[in-house]
Each structure stands twice: as structure tokens, then as C-alpha cells.
mmCIF file of all heavy atoms, coordinates in Angstrom:
data_MODEL
# 
_entry.id   MODEL 
# 
loop_
_atom_site.group_PDB 
_atom_site.id 
_atom_site.type_symbol 
_atom_site.label_atom_id 
_atom_site.label_alt_id 
_atom_site.label_comp_id 
_atom_site.label_asym_id 
_atom_site.label_entity_id 
_atom_site.label_seq_id 
_atom_site.pdbx_PDB_ins_code 
_atom_site.Cartn_x 
_atom_site.Cartn_y 
_atom_site.Cartn_z 
_atom_site.occupancy 
_atom_site.B_iso_or_equiv 
_atom_site.pdbx_formal_charge 
_atom_site.auth_seq_id 
_atom_site.auth_comp_id 
_atom_site.auth_asym_id 
_atom_site.auth_atom_id 
_atom_site.pdbx_PDB_model_num 
ATOM 1   N N   . ASP A 1 1  ? -61.191 -11.022 -55.722 1.00 0.00 ? 1  ASP A N   1 
ATOM 2   C CA  . ASP A 1 1  ? -60.721 -11.901 -56.795 1.00 0.00 ? 1  ASP A CA  1 
ATOM 3   C C   . ASP A 1 1  ? -61.700 -13.059 -56.974 1.00 0.00 ? 1  ASP A C   1 
ATOM 4   O O   . ASP A 1 1  ? -62.026 -13.777 -56.010 1.00 0.00 ? 1  ASP A O   1 
ATOM 5   C CB  . ASP A 1 1  ? -59.328 -12.440 -56.462 1.00 0.00 ? 1  ASP A CB  1 
ATOM 6   C CG  . ASP A 1 1  ? -58.796 -13.364 -57.533 1.00 0.00 ? 1  ASP A CG  1 
ATOM 7   O OD1 . ASP A 1 1  ? -58.358 -12.869 -58.583 1.00 0.00 ? 1  ASP A OD1 1 
ATOM 8   O OD2 . ASP A 1 1  ? -58.848 -14.596 -57.312 1.00 0.00 ? 1  ASP A OD2 1 
ATOM 9   N N   . GLU A 1 2  ? -62.178 -13.250 -58.217 1.00 0.00 ? 2  GLU A N   1 
ATOM 10  C CA  . GLU A 1 2  ? -63.207 -14.265 -58.471 1.00 0.00 ? 2  GLU A CA  1 
ATOM 11  C C   . GLU A 1 2  ? -62.748 -15.674 -58.112 1.00 0.00 ? 2  GLU A C   1 
ATOM 12  O O   . GLU A 1 2  ? -63.483 -16.450 -57.495 1.00 0.00 ? 2  GLU A O   1 
ATOM 13  C CB  . GLU A 1 2  ? -63.638 -14.251 -59.946 1.00 0.00 ? 2  GLU A CB  1 
ATOM 14  C CG  . GLU A 1 2  ? -64.177 -12.921 -60.442 1.00 0.00 ? 2  GLU A CG  1 
ATOM 15  C CD  . GLU A 1 2  ? -63.119 -12.127 -61.165 1.00 0.00 ? 2  GLU A CD  1 
ATOM 16  O OE1 . GLU A 1 2  ? -62.202 -11.623 -60.492 1.00 0.00 ? 2  GLU A OE1 1 
ATOM 17  O OE2 . GLU A 1 2  ? -63.207 -12.020 -62.399 1.00 0.00 ? 2  GLU A OE2 1 
ATOM 18  N N   . SER A 1 3  ? -61.531 -16.020 -58.516 1.00 0.00 ? 3  SER A N   1 
ATOM 19  C CA  . SER A 1 3  ? -61.022 -17.363 -58.251 1.00 0.00 ? 3  SER A CA  1 
ATOM 20  C C   . SER A 1 3  ? -60.891 -17.618 -56.758 1.00 0.00 ? 3  SER A C   1 
ATOM 21  O O   . SER A 1 3  ? -61.324 -18.665 -56.252 1.00 0.00 ? 3  SER A O   1 
ATOM 22  C CB  . SER A 1 3  ? -59.665 -17.556 -58.937 1.00 0.00 ? 3  SER A CB  1 
ATOM 23  O OG  . SER A 1 3  ? -59.130 -18.825 -58.626 1.00 0.00 ? 3  SER A OG  1 
ATOM 24  N N   . GLU A 1 4  ? -60.321 -16.675 -56.052 1.00 0.00 ? 4  GLU A N   1 
ATOM 25  C CA  . GLU A 1 4  ? -60.178 -16.835 -54.607 1.00 0.00 ? 4  GLU A CA  1 
ATOM 26  C C   . GLU A 1 4  ? -61.538 -16.952 -53.935 1.00 0.00 ? 4  GLU A C   1 
ATOM 27  O O   . GLU A 1 4  ? -61.736 -17.763 -53.015 1.00 0.00 ? 4  GLU A O   1 
ATOM 28  C CB  . GLU A 1 4  ? -59.417 -15.653 -54.007 1.00 0.00 ? 4  GLU A CB  1 
ATOM 29  C CG  . GLU A 1 4  ? -59.222 -15.775 -52.499 1.00 0.00 ? 4  GLU A CG  1 
ATOM 30  C CD  . GLU A 1 4  ? -58.584 -14.551 -51.865 1.00 0.00 ? 4  GLU A CD  1 
ATOM 31  O OE1 . GLU A 1 4  ? -58.186 -13.627 -52.613 1.00 0.00 ? 4  GLU A OE1 1 
ATOM 32  O OE2 . GLU A 1 4  ? -58.503 -14.510 -50.620 1.00 0.00 ? 4  GLU A OE2 1 
ATOM 33  N N   . ALA A 1 5  ? -62.500 -16.144 -54.387 1.00 0.00 ? 5  ALA A N   1 
ATOM 34  C CA  . ALA A 1 5  ? -63.837 -16.186 -53.799 1.00 0.00 ? 5  ALA A CA  1 
ATOM 35  C C   . ALA A 1 5  ? -64.483 -17.549 -53.981 1.00 0.00 ? 5  ALA A C   1 
ATOM 36  O O   . ALA A 1 5  ? -65.095 -18.087 -53.051 1.00 0.00 ? 5  ALA A O   1 
ATOM 37  C CB  . ALA A 1 5  ? -64.712 -15.094 -54.415 1.00 0.00 ? 5  ALA A CB  1 
ATOM 38  N N   . MET A 1 6  ? -64.360 -18.143 -55.177 1.00 0.00 ? 6  MET A N   1 
ATOM 39  C CA  . MET A 1 6  ? -64.962 -19.450 -55.416 1.00 0.00 ? 6  MET A CA  1 
ATOM 40  C C   . MET A 1 6  ? -64.329 -20.511 -54.519 1.00 0.00 ? 6  MET A C   1 
ATOM 41  O O   . MET A 1 6  ? -65.015 -21.370 -53.951 1.00 0.00 ? 6  MET A O   1 
ATOM 42  C CB  . MET A 1 6  ? -64.821 -19.842 -56.885 1.00 0.00 ? 6  MET A CB  1 
ATOM 43  C CG  . MET A 1 6  ? -65.563 -18.934 -57.867 1.00 0.00 ? 6  MET A CG  1 
ATOM 44  S SD  . MET A 1 6  ? -67.301 -18.643 -57.459 1.00 0.00 ? 6  MET A SD  1 
ATOM 45  C CE  . MET A 1 6  ? -67.244 -16.930 -56.909 1.00 0.00 ? 6  MET A CE  1 
ATOM 46  N N   . HIS A 1 7  ? -62.998 -20.452 -54.369 1.00 0.00 ? 7  HIS A N   1 
ATOM 47  C CA  . HIS A 1 7  ? -62.316 -21.400 -53.482 1.00 0.00 ? 7  HIS A CA  1 
ATOM 48  C C   . HIS A 1 7  ? -62.769 -21.209 -52.039 1.00 0.00 ? 7  HIS A C   1 
ATOM 49  O O   . HIS A 1 7  ? -62.983 -22.193 -51.317 1.00 0.00 ? 7  HIS A O   1 
ATOM 50  C CB  . HIS A 1 7  ? -60.801 -21.218 -53.588 1.00 0.00 ? 7  HIS A CB  1 
ATOM 51  C CG  . HIS A 1 7  ? -60.190 -21.911 -54.763 1.00 0.00 ? 7  HIS A CG  1 
ATOM 52  N ND1 . HIS A 1 7  ? -59.731 -23.214 -54.718 1.00 0.00 ? 7  HIS A ND1 1 
ATOM 53  C CD2 . HIS A 1 7  ? -59.977 -21.488 -56.036 1.00 0.00 ? 7  HIS A CD2 1 
ATOM 54  C CE1 . HIS A 1 7  ? -59.247 -23.562 -55.895 1.00 0.00 ? 7  HIS A CE1 1 
ATOM 55  N NE2 . HIS A 1 7  ? -59.384 -22.534 -56.726 1.00 0.00 ? 7  HIS A NE2 1 
ATOM 56  N N   . ARG A 1 8  ? -62.944 -19.960 -51.632 1.00 0.00 ? 8  ARG A N   1 
ATOM 57  C CA  . ARG A 1 8  ? -63.353 -19.692 -50.251 1.00 0.00 ? 8  ARG A CA  1 
ATOM 58  C C   . ARG A 1 8  ? -64.784 -20.171 -49.989 1.00 0.00 ? 8  ARG A C   1 
ATOM 59  O O   . ARG A 1 8  ? -65.092 -20.667 -48.899 1.00 0.00 ? 8  ARG A O   1 
ATOM 60  C CB  . ARG A 1 8  ? -63.225 -18.195 -49.951 1.00 0.00 ? 8  ARG A CB  1 
ATOM 61  C CG  . ARG A 1 8  ? -61.793 -17.667 -49.997 1.00 0.00 ? 8  ARG A CG  1 
ATOM 62  C CD  . ARG A 1 8  ? -61.073 -17.856 -48.678 1.00 0.00 ? 8  ARG A CD  1 
ATOM 63  N NE  . ARG A 1 8  ? -61.587 -16.976 -47.659 1.00 0.00 ? 8  ARG A NE  1 
ATOM 64  C CZ  . ARG A 1 8  ? -61.176 -15.721 -47.465 1.00 0.00 ? 8  ARG A CZ  1 
ATOM 65  N NH1 . ARG A 1 8  ? -60.243 -15.197 -48.247 1.00 0.00 ? 8  ARG A NH1 1 
ATOM 66  N NH2 . ARG A 1 8  ? -61.677 -14.997 -46.488 1.00 0.00 ? 8  ARG A NH2 1 
ATOM 67  N N   . ILE A 1 9  ? -65.678 -20.014 -50.979 1.00 0.00 ? 9  ILE A N   1 
ATOM 68  C CA  . ILE A 1 9  ? -67.052 -20.510 -50.818 1.00 0.00 ? 9  ILE A CA  1 
ATOM 69  C C   . ILE A 1 9  ? -67.047 -22.026 -50.665 1.00 0.00 ? 9  ILE A C   1 
ATOM 70  O O   . ILE A 1 9  ? -67.742 -22.585 -49.805 1.00 0.00 ? 9  ILE A O   1 
ATOM 71  C CB  . ILE A 1 9  ? -67.933 -20.096 -52.018 1.00 0.00 ? 9  ILE A CB  1 
ATOM 72  C CG1 . ILE A 1 9  ? -68.117 -18.581 -52.044 1.00 0.00 ? 9  ILE A CG1 1 
ATOM 73  C CG2 . ILE A 1 9  ? -69.303 -20.784 -51.943 1.00 0.00 ? 9  ILE A CG2 1 
ATOM 74  C CD1 . ILE A 1 9  ? -68.792 -18.066 -53.298 1.00 0.00 ? 9  ILE A CD1 1 
ATOM 75  N N   . VAL A 1 10 ? -66.243 -22.693 -51.482 1.00 0.00 ? 10 VAL A N   1 
ATOM 76  C CA  . VAL A 1 10 ? -66.145 -24.152 -51.382 1.00 0.00 ? 10 VAL A CA  1 
ATOM 77  C C   . VAL A 1 10 ? -65.597 -24.548 -50.007 1.00 0.00 ? 10 VAL A C   1 
ATOM 78  O O   . VAL A 1 10 ? -66.081 -25.500 -49.384 1.00 0.00 ? 10 VAL A O   1 
ATOM 79  C CB  . VAL A 1 10 ? -65.271 -24.721 -52.521 1.00 0.00 ? 10 VAL A CB  1 
ATOM 80  C CG1 . VAL A 1 10 ? -64.962 -26.195 -52.286 1.00 0.00 ? 10 VAL A CG1 1 
ATOM 81  C CG2 . VAL A 1 10 ? -65.969 -24.540 -53.857 1.00 0.00 ? 10 VAL A CG2 1 
ATOM 82  N N   . ASP A 1 11 ? -64.602 -23.815 -49.525 1.00 0.00 ? 11 ASP A N   1 
ATOM 83  C CA  . ASP A 1 11 ? -64.071 -24.089 -48.184 1.00 0.00 ? 11 ASP A CA  1 
ATOM 84  C C   . ASP A 1 11 ? -65.172 -23.975 -47.133 1.00 0.00 ? 11 ASP A C   1 
ATOM 85  O O   . ASP A 1 11 ? -65.267 -24.807 -46.216 1.00 0.00 ? 11 ASP A O   1 
ATOM 86  C CB  . ASP A 1 11 ? -62.945 -23.109 -47.850 1.00 0.00 ? 11 ASP A CB  1 
ATOM 87  C CG  . ASP A 1 11 ? -61.667 -23.385 -48.633 1.00 0.00 ? 11 ASP A CG  1 
ATOM 88  O OD1 . ASP A 1 11 ? -61.504 -24.520 -49.135 1.00 0.00 ? 11 ASP A OD1 1 
ATOM 89  O OD2 . ASP A 1 11 ? -60.838 -22.459 -48.752 1.00 0.00 ? 11 ASP A OD2 1 
ATOM 90  N N   . ARG A 1 12 ? -66.011 -22.939 -47.260 1.00 0.00 ? 12 ARG A N   1 
ATOM 91  C CA  . ARG A 1 12 ? -67.088 -22.754 -46.284 1.00 0.00 ? 12 ARG A CA  1 
ATOM 92  C C   . ARG A 1 12 ? -68.121 -23.873 -46.378 1.00 0.00 ? 12 ARG A C   1 
ATOM 93  O O   . ARG A 1 12 ? -68.690 -24.280 -45.360 1.00 0.00 ? 12 ARG A O   1 
ATOM 94  C CB  . ARG A 1 12 ? -67.775 -21.392 -46.475 1.00 0.00 ? 12 ARG A CB  1 
ATOM 95  C CG  . ARG A 1 12 ? -66.906 -20.171 -46.252 1.00 0.00 ? 12 ARG A CG  1 
ATOM 96  C CD  . ARG A 1 12 ? -66.016 -20.253 -45.016 1.00 0.00 ? 12 ARG A CD  1 
ATOM 97  N NE  . ARG A 1 12 ? -66.732 -20.408 -43.771 1.00 0.00 ? 12 ARG A NE  1 
ATOM 98  C CZ  . ARG A 1 12 ? -67.029 -19.420 -42.944 1.00 0.00 ? 12 ARG A CZ  1 
ATOM 99  N NH1 . ARG A 1 12 ? -66.680 -18.181 -43.242 1.00 0.00 ? 12 ARG A NH1 1 
ATOM 100 N NH2 . ARG A 1 12 ? -67.653 -19.650 -41.814 1.00 0.00 ? 12 ARG A NH2 1 
ATOM 101 N N   . LEU A 1 13 ? -68.367 -24.363 -47.582 1.00 0.00 ? 13 LEU A N   1 
ATOM 102 C CA  . LEU A 1 13 ? -69.289 -25.494 -47.741 1.00 0.00 ? 13 LEU A CA  1 
ATOM 103 C C   . LEU A 1 13 ? -68.757 -26.741 -47.039 1.00 0.00 ? 13 LEU A C   1 
ATOM 104 O O   . LEU A 1 13 ? -69.495 -27.447 -46.347 1.00 0.00 ? 13 LEU A O   1 
ATOM 105 C CB  . LEU A 1 13 ? -69.538 -25.772 -49.220 1.00 0.00 ? 13 LEU A CB  1 
ATOM 106 C CG  . LEU A 1 13 ? -70.533 -24.843 -49.919 1.00 0.00 ? 13 LEU A CG  1 
ATOM 107 C CD1 . LEU A 1 13 ? -70.467 -25.015 -51.433 1.00 0.00 ? 13 LEU A CD1 1 
ATOM 108 C CD2 . LEU A 1 13 ? -71.962 -25.113 -49.437 1.00 0.00 ? 13 LEU A CD2 1 
ATOM 109 N N   . PHE A 1 14 ? -67.459 -27.007 -47.204 1.00 0.00 ? 14 PHE A N   1 
ATOM 110 C CA  . PHE A 1 14 ? -66.878 -28.173 -46.539 1.00 0.00 ? 14 PHE A CA  1 
ATOM 111 C C   . PHE A 1 14 ? -66.863 -27.990 -45.019 1.00 0.00 ? 14 PHE A C   1 
ATOM 112 O O   . PHE A 1 14 ? -67.093 -28.953 -44.271 1.00 0.00 ? 14 PHE A O   1 
ATOM 113 C CB  . PHE A 1 14 ? -65.468 -28.440 -47.076 1.00 0.00 ? 14 PHE A CB  1 
ATOM 114 C CG  . PHE A 1 14 ? -65.456 -29.258 -48.330 1.00 0.00 ? 14 PHE A CG  1 
ATOM 115 C CD1 . PHE A 1 14 ? -65.262 -28.666 -49.558 1.00 0.00 ? 14 PHE A CD1 1 
ATOM 116 C CD2 . PHE A 1 14 ? -65.672 -30.630 -48.289 1.00 0.00 ? 14 PHE A CD2 1 
ATOM 117 C CE1 . PHE A 1 14 ? -65.266 -29.414 -50.733 1.00 0.00 ? 14 PHE A CE1 1 
ATOM 118 C CE2 . PHE A 1 14 ? -65.677 -31.392 -49.440 1.00 0.00 ? 14 PHE A CE2 1 
ATOM 119 C CZ  . PHE A 1 14 ? -65.475 -30.790 -50.679 1.00 0.00 ? 14 PHE A CZ  1 
ATOM 120 N N   . GLU A 1 15 ? -66.611 -26.775 -44.550 1.00 0.00 ? 15 GLU A N   1 
ATOM 121 C CA  . GLU A 1 15 ? -66.677 -26.505 -43.118 1.00 0.00 ? 15 GLU A CA  1 
ATOM 122 C C   . GLU A 1 15 ? -68.089 -26.738 -42.591 1.00 0.00 ? 15 GLU A C   1 
ATOM 123 O O   . GLU A 1 15 ? -68.276 -27.275 -41.490 1.00 0.00 ? 15 GLU A O   1 
ATOM 124 C CB  . GLU A 1 15 ? -66.239 -25.072 -42.830 1.00 0.00 ? 15 GLU A CB  1 
ATOM 125 C CG  . GLU A 1 15 ? -64.753 -24.817 -43.047 1.00 0.00 ? 15 GLU A CG  1 
ATOM 126 C CD  . GLU A 1 15 ? -64.407 -23.340 -43.007 1.00 0.00 ? 15 GLU A CD  1 
ATOM 127 O OE1 . GLU A 1 15 ? -65.272 -22.535 -42.580 1.00 0.00 ? 15 GLU A OE1 1 
ATOM 128 O OE2 . GLU A 1 15 ? -63.285 -22.978 -43.404 1.00 0.00 ? 15 GLU A OE2 1 
ATOM 129 N N   . ALA A 1 16 ? -69.083 -26.316 -43.375 1.00 0.00 ? 16 ALA A N   1 
ATOM 130 C CA  . ALA A 1 16 ? -70.479 -26.507 -42.964 1.00 0.00 ? 16 ALA A CA  1 
ATOM 131 C C   . ALA A 1 16 ? -70.832 -27.993 -42.897 1.00 0.00 ? 16 ALA A C   1 
ATOM 132 O O   . ALA A 1 16 ? -71.507 -28.441 -41.963 1.00 0.00 ? 16 ALA A O   1 
ATOM 133 C CB  . ALA A 1 16 ? -71.411 -25.792 -43.938 1.00 0.00 ? 16 ALA A CB  1 
ATOM 134 N N   . LEU A 1 17 ? -70.386 -28.756 -43.872 1.00 0.00 ? 17 LEU A N   1 
ATOM 135 C CA  . LEU A 1 17 ? -70.619 -30.206 -43.851 1.00 0.00 ? 17 LEU A CA  1 
ATOM 136 C C   . LEU A 1 17 ? -69.987 -30.836 -42.618 1.00 0.00 ? 17 LEU A C   1 
ATOM 137 O O   . LEU A 1 17 ? -70.609 -31.643 -41.916 1.00 0.00 ? 17 LEU A O   1 
ATOM 138 C CB  . LEU A 1 17 ? -70.066 -30.857 -45.120 1.00 0.00 ? 17 LEU A CB  1 
ATOM 139 C CG  . LEU A 1 17 ? -70.831 -30.595 -46.418 1.00 0.00 ? 17 LEU A CG  1 
ATOM 140 C CD1 . LEU A 1 17 ? -70.019 -31.084 -47.612 1.00 0.00 ? 17 LEU A CD1 1 
ATOM 141 C CD2 . LEU A 1 17 ? -72.205 -31.274 -46.401 1.00 0.00 ? 17 LEU A CD2 1 
ATOM 142 N N   . SER A 1 18 ? -68.738 -30.463 -42.338 1.00 0.00 ? 18 SER A N   1 
ATOM 143 C CA  . SER A 1 18 ? -68.022 -31.041 -41.202 1.00 0.00 ? 18 SER A CA  1 
ATOM 144 C C   . SER A 1 18 ? -68.666 -30.675 -39.863 1.00 0.00 ? 18 SER A C   1 
ATOM 145 O O   . SER A 1 18 ? -68.565 -31.432 -38.890 1.00 0.00 ? 18 SER A O   1 
ATOM 146 C CB  . SER A 1 18 ? -66.561 -30.572 -41.207 1.00 0.00 ? 18 SER A CB  1 
ATOM 147 O OG  . SER A 1 18 ? -65.899 -31.000 -42.386 1.00 0.00 ? 18 SER A OG  1 
ATOM 148 N N   . ALA A 1 19 ? -69.328 -29.517 -39.811 1.00 0.00 ? 19 ALA A N   1 
ATOM 149 C CA  . ALA A 1 19 ? -69.940 -29.048 -38.563 1.00 0.00 ? 19 ALA A CA  1 
ATOM 150 C C   . ALA A 1 19 ? -71.395 -29.467 -38.412 1.00 0.00 ? 19 ALA A C   1 
ATOM 151 O O   . ALA A 1 19 ? -72.011 -29.199 -37.378 1.00 0.00 ? 19 ALA A O   1 
ATOM 152 C CB  . ALA A 1 19 ? -69.850 -27.524 -38.485 1.00 0.00 ? 19 ALA A CB  1 
ATOM 153 N N   . SER A 1 20 ? -71.953 -30.136 -39.415 1.00 0.00 ? 20 SER A N   1 
ATOM 154 C CA  . SER A 1 20 ? -73.370 -30.510 -39.380 1.00 0.00 ? 20 SER A CA  1 
ATOM 155 C C   . SER A 1 20 ? -73.662 -31.458 -38.216 1.00 0.00 ? 20 SER A C   1 
ATOM 156 O O   . SER A 1 20 ? -72.815 -32.264 -37.818 1.00 0.00 ? 20 SER A O   1 
ATOM 157 C CB  . SER A 1 20 ? -73.772 -31.177 -40.697 1.00 0.00 ? 20 SER A CB  1 
ATOM 158 O OG  . SER A 1 20 ? -75.095 -31.674 -40.617 1.00 0.00 ? 20 SER A OG  1 
ATOM 159 N N   . LYS A 1 21 ? -74.866 -31.361 -37.681 1.00 0.00 ? 21 LYS A N   1 
ATOM 160 C CA  . LYS A 1 21 ? -75.296 -32.275 -36.625 1.00 0.00 ? 21 LYS A CA  1 
ATOM 161 C C   . LYS A 1 21 ? -75.695 -33.638 -37.179 1.00 0.00 ? 21 LYS A C   1 
ATOM 162 O O   . LYS A 1 21 ? -75.906 -34.580 -36.414 1.00 0.00 ? 21 LYS A O   1 
ATOM 163 C CB  . LYS A 1 21 ? -76.456 -31.660 -35.844 1.00 0.00 ? 21 LYS A CB  1 
ATOM 164 C CG  . LYS A 1 21 ? -76.065 -30.424 -35.048 1.00 0.00 ? 21 LYS A CG  1 
ATOM 165 C CD  . LYS A 1 21 ? -77.228 -29.867 -34.259 1.00 0.00 ? 21 LYS A CD  1 
ATOM 166 C CE  . LYS A 1 21 ? -76.804 -28.640 -33.459 1.00 0.00 ? 21 LYS A CE  1 
ATOM 167 N NZ  . LYS A 1 21 ? -77.919 -28.066 -32.669 1.00 0.00 ? 21 LYS A NZ  1 
ATOM 168 N N   . LEU A 1 22 ? -75.802 -33.736 -38.515 1.00 0.00 ? 22 LEU A N   1 
ATOM 169 C CA  . LEU A 1 22 ? -76.159 -35.006 -39.152 1.00 0.00 ? 22 LEU A CA  1 
ATOM 170 C C   . LEU A 1 22 ? -74.900 -35.775 -39.535 1.00 0.00 ? 22 LEU A C   1 
ATOM 171 O O   . LEU A 1 22 ? -74.033 -35.258 -40.236 1.00 0.00 ? 22 LEU A O   1 
ATOM 172 C CB  . LEU A 1 22 ? -77.004 -34.757 -40.395 1.00 0.00 ? 22 LEU A CB  1 
ATOM 173 C CG  . LEU A 1 22 ? -78.401 -34.170 -40.198 1.00 0.00 ? 22 LEU A CG  1 
ATOM 174 C CD1 . LEU A 1 22 ? -79.113 -34.079 -41.542 1.00 0.00 ? 22 LEU A CD1 1 
ATOM 175 C CD2 . LEU A 1 22 ? -79.224 -35.002 -39.227 1.00 0.00 ? 22 LEU A CD2 1 
ATOM 176 N N   . GLU A 1 23 ? -74.822 -37.007 -39.106 1.00 0.00 ? 23 GLU A N   1 
ATOM 177 C CA  . GLU A 1 23 ? -73.647 -37.831 -39.409 1.00 0.00 ? 23 GLU A CA  1 
ATOM 178 C C   . GLU A 1 23 ? -73.471 -38.010 -40.911 1.00 0.00 ? 23 GLU A C   1 
ATOM 179 O O   . GLU A 1 23 ? -72.344 -38.019 -41.427 1.00 0.00 ? 23 GLU A O   1 
ATOM 180 C CB  . GLU A 1 23 ? -73.772 -39.197 -38.727 1.00 0.00 ? 23 GLU A CB  1 
ATOM 181 C CG  . GLU A 1 23 ? -72.550 -40.081 -38.916 1.00 0.00 ? 23 GLU A CG  1 
ATOM 182 C CD  . GLU A 1 23 ? -72.688 -41.413 -38.208 1.00 0.00 ? 23 GLU A CD  1 
ATOM 183 O OE1 . GLU A 1 23 ? -73.755 -41.657 -37.597 1.00 0.00 ? 23 GLU A OE1 1 
ATOM 184 O OE2 . GLU A 1 23 ? -71.743 -42.218 -38.269 1.00 0.00 ? 23 GLU A OE2 1 
ATOM 185 N N   . THR A 1 24 ? -74.590 -38.129 -41.636 1.00 0.00 ? 24 THR A N   1 
ATOM 186 C CA  . THR A 1 24 ? -74.517 -38.313 -43.090 1.00 0.00 ? 24 THR A CA  1 
ATOM 187 C C   . THR A 1 24 ? -73.790 -37.151 -43.755 1.00 0.00 ? 24 THR A C   1 
ATOM 188 O O   . THR A 1 24 ? -72.946 -37.348 -44.631 1.00 0.00 ? 24 THR A O   1 
ATOM 189 C CB  . THR A 1 24 ? -75.928 -38.450 -43.687 1.00 0.00 ? 24 THR A CB  1 
ATOM 190 O OG1 . THR A 1 24 ? -76.566 -39.592 -43.120 1.00 0.00 ? 24 THR A OG1 1 
ATOM 191 C CG2 . THR A 1 24 ? -75.874 -38.616 -45.203 1.00 0.00 ? 24 THR A CG2 1 
ATOM 192 N N   . LEU A 1 25 ? -74.112 -35.928 -43.342 1.00 0.00 ? 25 LEU A N   1 
ATOM 193 C CA  . LEU A 1 25 ? -73.465 -34.757 -43.935 1.00 0.00 ? 25 LEU A CA  1 
ATOM 194 C C   . LEU A 1 25 ? -72.022 -34.616 -43.462 1.00 0.00 ? 25 LEU A C   1 
ATOM 195 O O   . LEU A 1 25 ? -71.149 -34.197 -44.238 1.00 0.00 ? 25 LEU A O   1 
ATOM 196 C CB  . LEU A 1 25 ? -74.257 -33.493 -43.618 1.00 0.00 ? 25 LEU A CB  1 
ATOM 197 C CG  . LEU A 1 25 ? -75.673 -33.424 -44.223 1.00 0.00 ? 25 LEU A CG  1 
ATOM 198 C CD1 . LEU A 1 25 ? -76.316 -32.072 -43.918 1.00 0.00 ? 25 LEU A CD1 1 
ATOM 199 C CD2 . LEU A 1 25 ? -75.639 -33.663 -45.720 1.00 0.00 ? 25 LEU A CD2 1 
ATOM 200 N N   . ARG A 1 26 ? -71.750 -34.958 -42.216 1.00 0.00 ? 26 ARG A N   1 
ATOM 201 C CA  . ARG A 1 26 ? -70.365 -34.912 -41.734 1.00 0.00 ? 26 ARG A CA  1 
ATOM 202 C C   . ARG A 1 26 ? -69.485 -35.890 -42.515 1.00 0.00 ? 26 ARG A C   1 
ATOM 203 O O   . ARG A 1 26 ? -68.365 -35.569 -42.908 1.00 0.00 ? 26 ARG A O   1 
ATOM 204 C CB  . ARG A 1 26 ? -70.294 -35.219 -40.239 1.00 0.00 ? 26 ARG A CB  1 
ATOM 205 C CG  . ARG A 1 26 ? -70.879 -34.138 -39.351 1.00 0.00 ? 26 ARG A CG  1 
ATOM 206 C CD  . ARG A 1 26 ? -70.419 -34.301 -37.907 1.00 0.00 ? 26 ARG A CD  1 
ATOM 207 N NE  . ARG A 1 26 ? -70.721 -35.622 -37.371 1.00 0.00 ? 26 ARG A NE  1 
ATOM 208 C CZ  . ARG A 1 26 ? -71.868 -35.953 -36.793 1.00 0.00 ? 26 ARG A CZ  1 
ATOM 209 N NH1 . ARG A 1 26 ? -72.837 -35.058 -36.688 1.00 0.00 ? 26 ARG A NH1 1 
ATOM 210 N NH2 . ARG A 1 26 ? -72.069 -37.170 -36.318 1.00 0.00 ? 26 ARG A NH2 1 
ATOM 211 N N   . ASN A 1 27 ? -70.001 -37.084 -42.756 1.00 0.00 ? 27 ASN A N   1 
ATOM 212 C CA  . ASN A 1 27 ? -69.242 -38.083 -43.507 1.00 0.00 ? 27 ASN A CA  1 
ATOM 213 C C   . ASN A 1 27 ? -69.006 -37.634 -44.939 1.00 0.00 ? 27 ASN A C   1 
ATOM 214 O O   . ASN A 1 27 ? -67.998 -37.971 -45.554 1.00 0.00 ? 27 ASN A O   1 
ATOM 215 C CB  . ASN A 1 27 ? -69.968 -39.430 -43.500 1.00 0.00 ? 27 ASN A CB  1 
ATOM 216 C CG  . ASN A 1 27 ? -69.972 -40.074 -42.127 1.00 0.00 ? 27 ASN A CG  1 
ATOM 217 O OD1 . ASN A 1 27 ? -69.147 -39.739 -41.270 1.00 0.00 ? 27 ASN A OD1 1 
ATOM 218 N ND2 . ASN A 1 27 ? -70.907 -40.986 -41.902 1.00 0.00 ? 27 ASN A ND2 1 
ATOM 219 N N   . LEU A 1 28 ? -69.970 -36.878 -45.467 1.00 0.00 ? 28 LEU A N   1 
ATOM 220 C CA  . LEU A 1 28 ? -69.871 -36.423 -46.853 1.00 0.00 ? 28 LEU A CA  1 
ATOM 221 C C   . LEU A 1 28 ? -68.636 -35.553 -47.078 1.00 0.00 ? 28 LEU A C   1 
ATOM 222 O O   . LEU A 1 28 ? -68.046 -35.558 -48.161 1.00 0.00 ? 28 LEU A O   1 
ATOM 223 C CB  . LEU A 1 28 ? -71.138 -35.653 -47.214 1.00 0.00 ? 28 LEU A CB  1 
ATOM 224 C CG  . LEU A 1 28 ? -71.356 -35.298 -48.683 1.00 0.00 ? 28 LEU A CG  1 
ATOM 225 C CD1 . LEU A 1 28 ? -71.393 -36.556 -49.541 1.00 0.00 ? 28 LEU A CD1 1 
ATOM 226 C CD2 . LEU A 1 28 ? -72.652 -34.519 -48.848 1.00 0.00 ? 28 LEU A CD2 1 
ATOM 227 N N   . ALA A 1 29 ? -68.235 -34.819 -46.032 1.00 0.00 ? 29 ALA A N   1 
ATOM 228 C CA  . ALA A 1 29 ? -67.075 -33.936 -46.157 1.00 0.00 ? 29 ALA A CA  1 
ATOM 229 C C   . ALA A 1 29 ? -65.798 -34.702 -46.456 1.00 0.00 ? 29 ALA A C   1 
ATOM 230 O O   . ALA A 1 29 ? -64.870 -34.165 -47.070 1.00 0.00 ? 29 ALA A O   1 
ATOM 231 C CB  . ALA A 1 29 ? -66.901 -33.122 -44.878 1.00 0.00 ? 29 ALA A CB  1 
# 
């Protein structure tokens, strides 16, 4: 499903930001 896929990609982007070793990117989440 296209809509679900787009939401899931965004979720993965936020997970990646939160897991970053850079404080700047973690804060961005």
C-alpha cells in the first residue's frame, strides 16, 4: 500500500535520526 509505505519510510527516517551518533541529528528528531 503506497500510503502505508510512505508512513513507514518516514518512521524509519525518524528512527535513524534518533539513533544517530550526532547530537544535532538526534535533537532534530
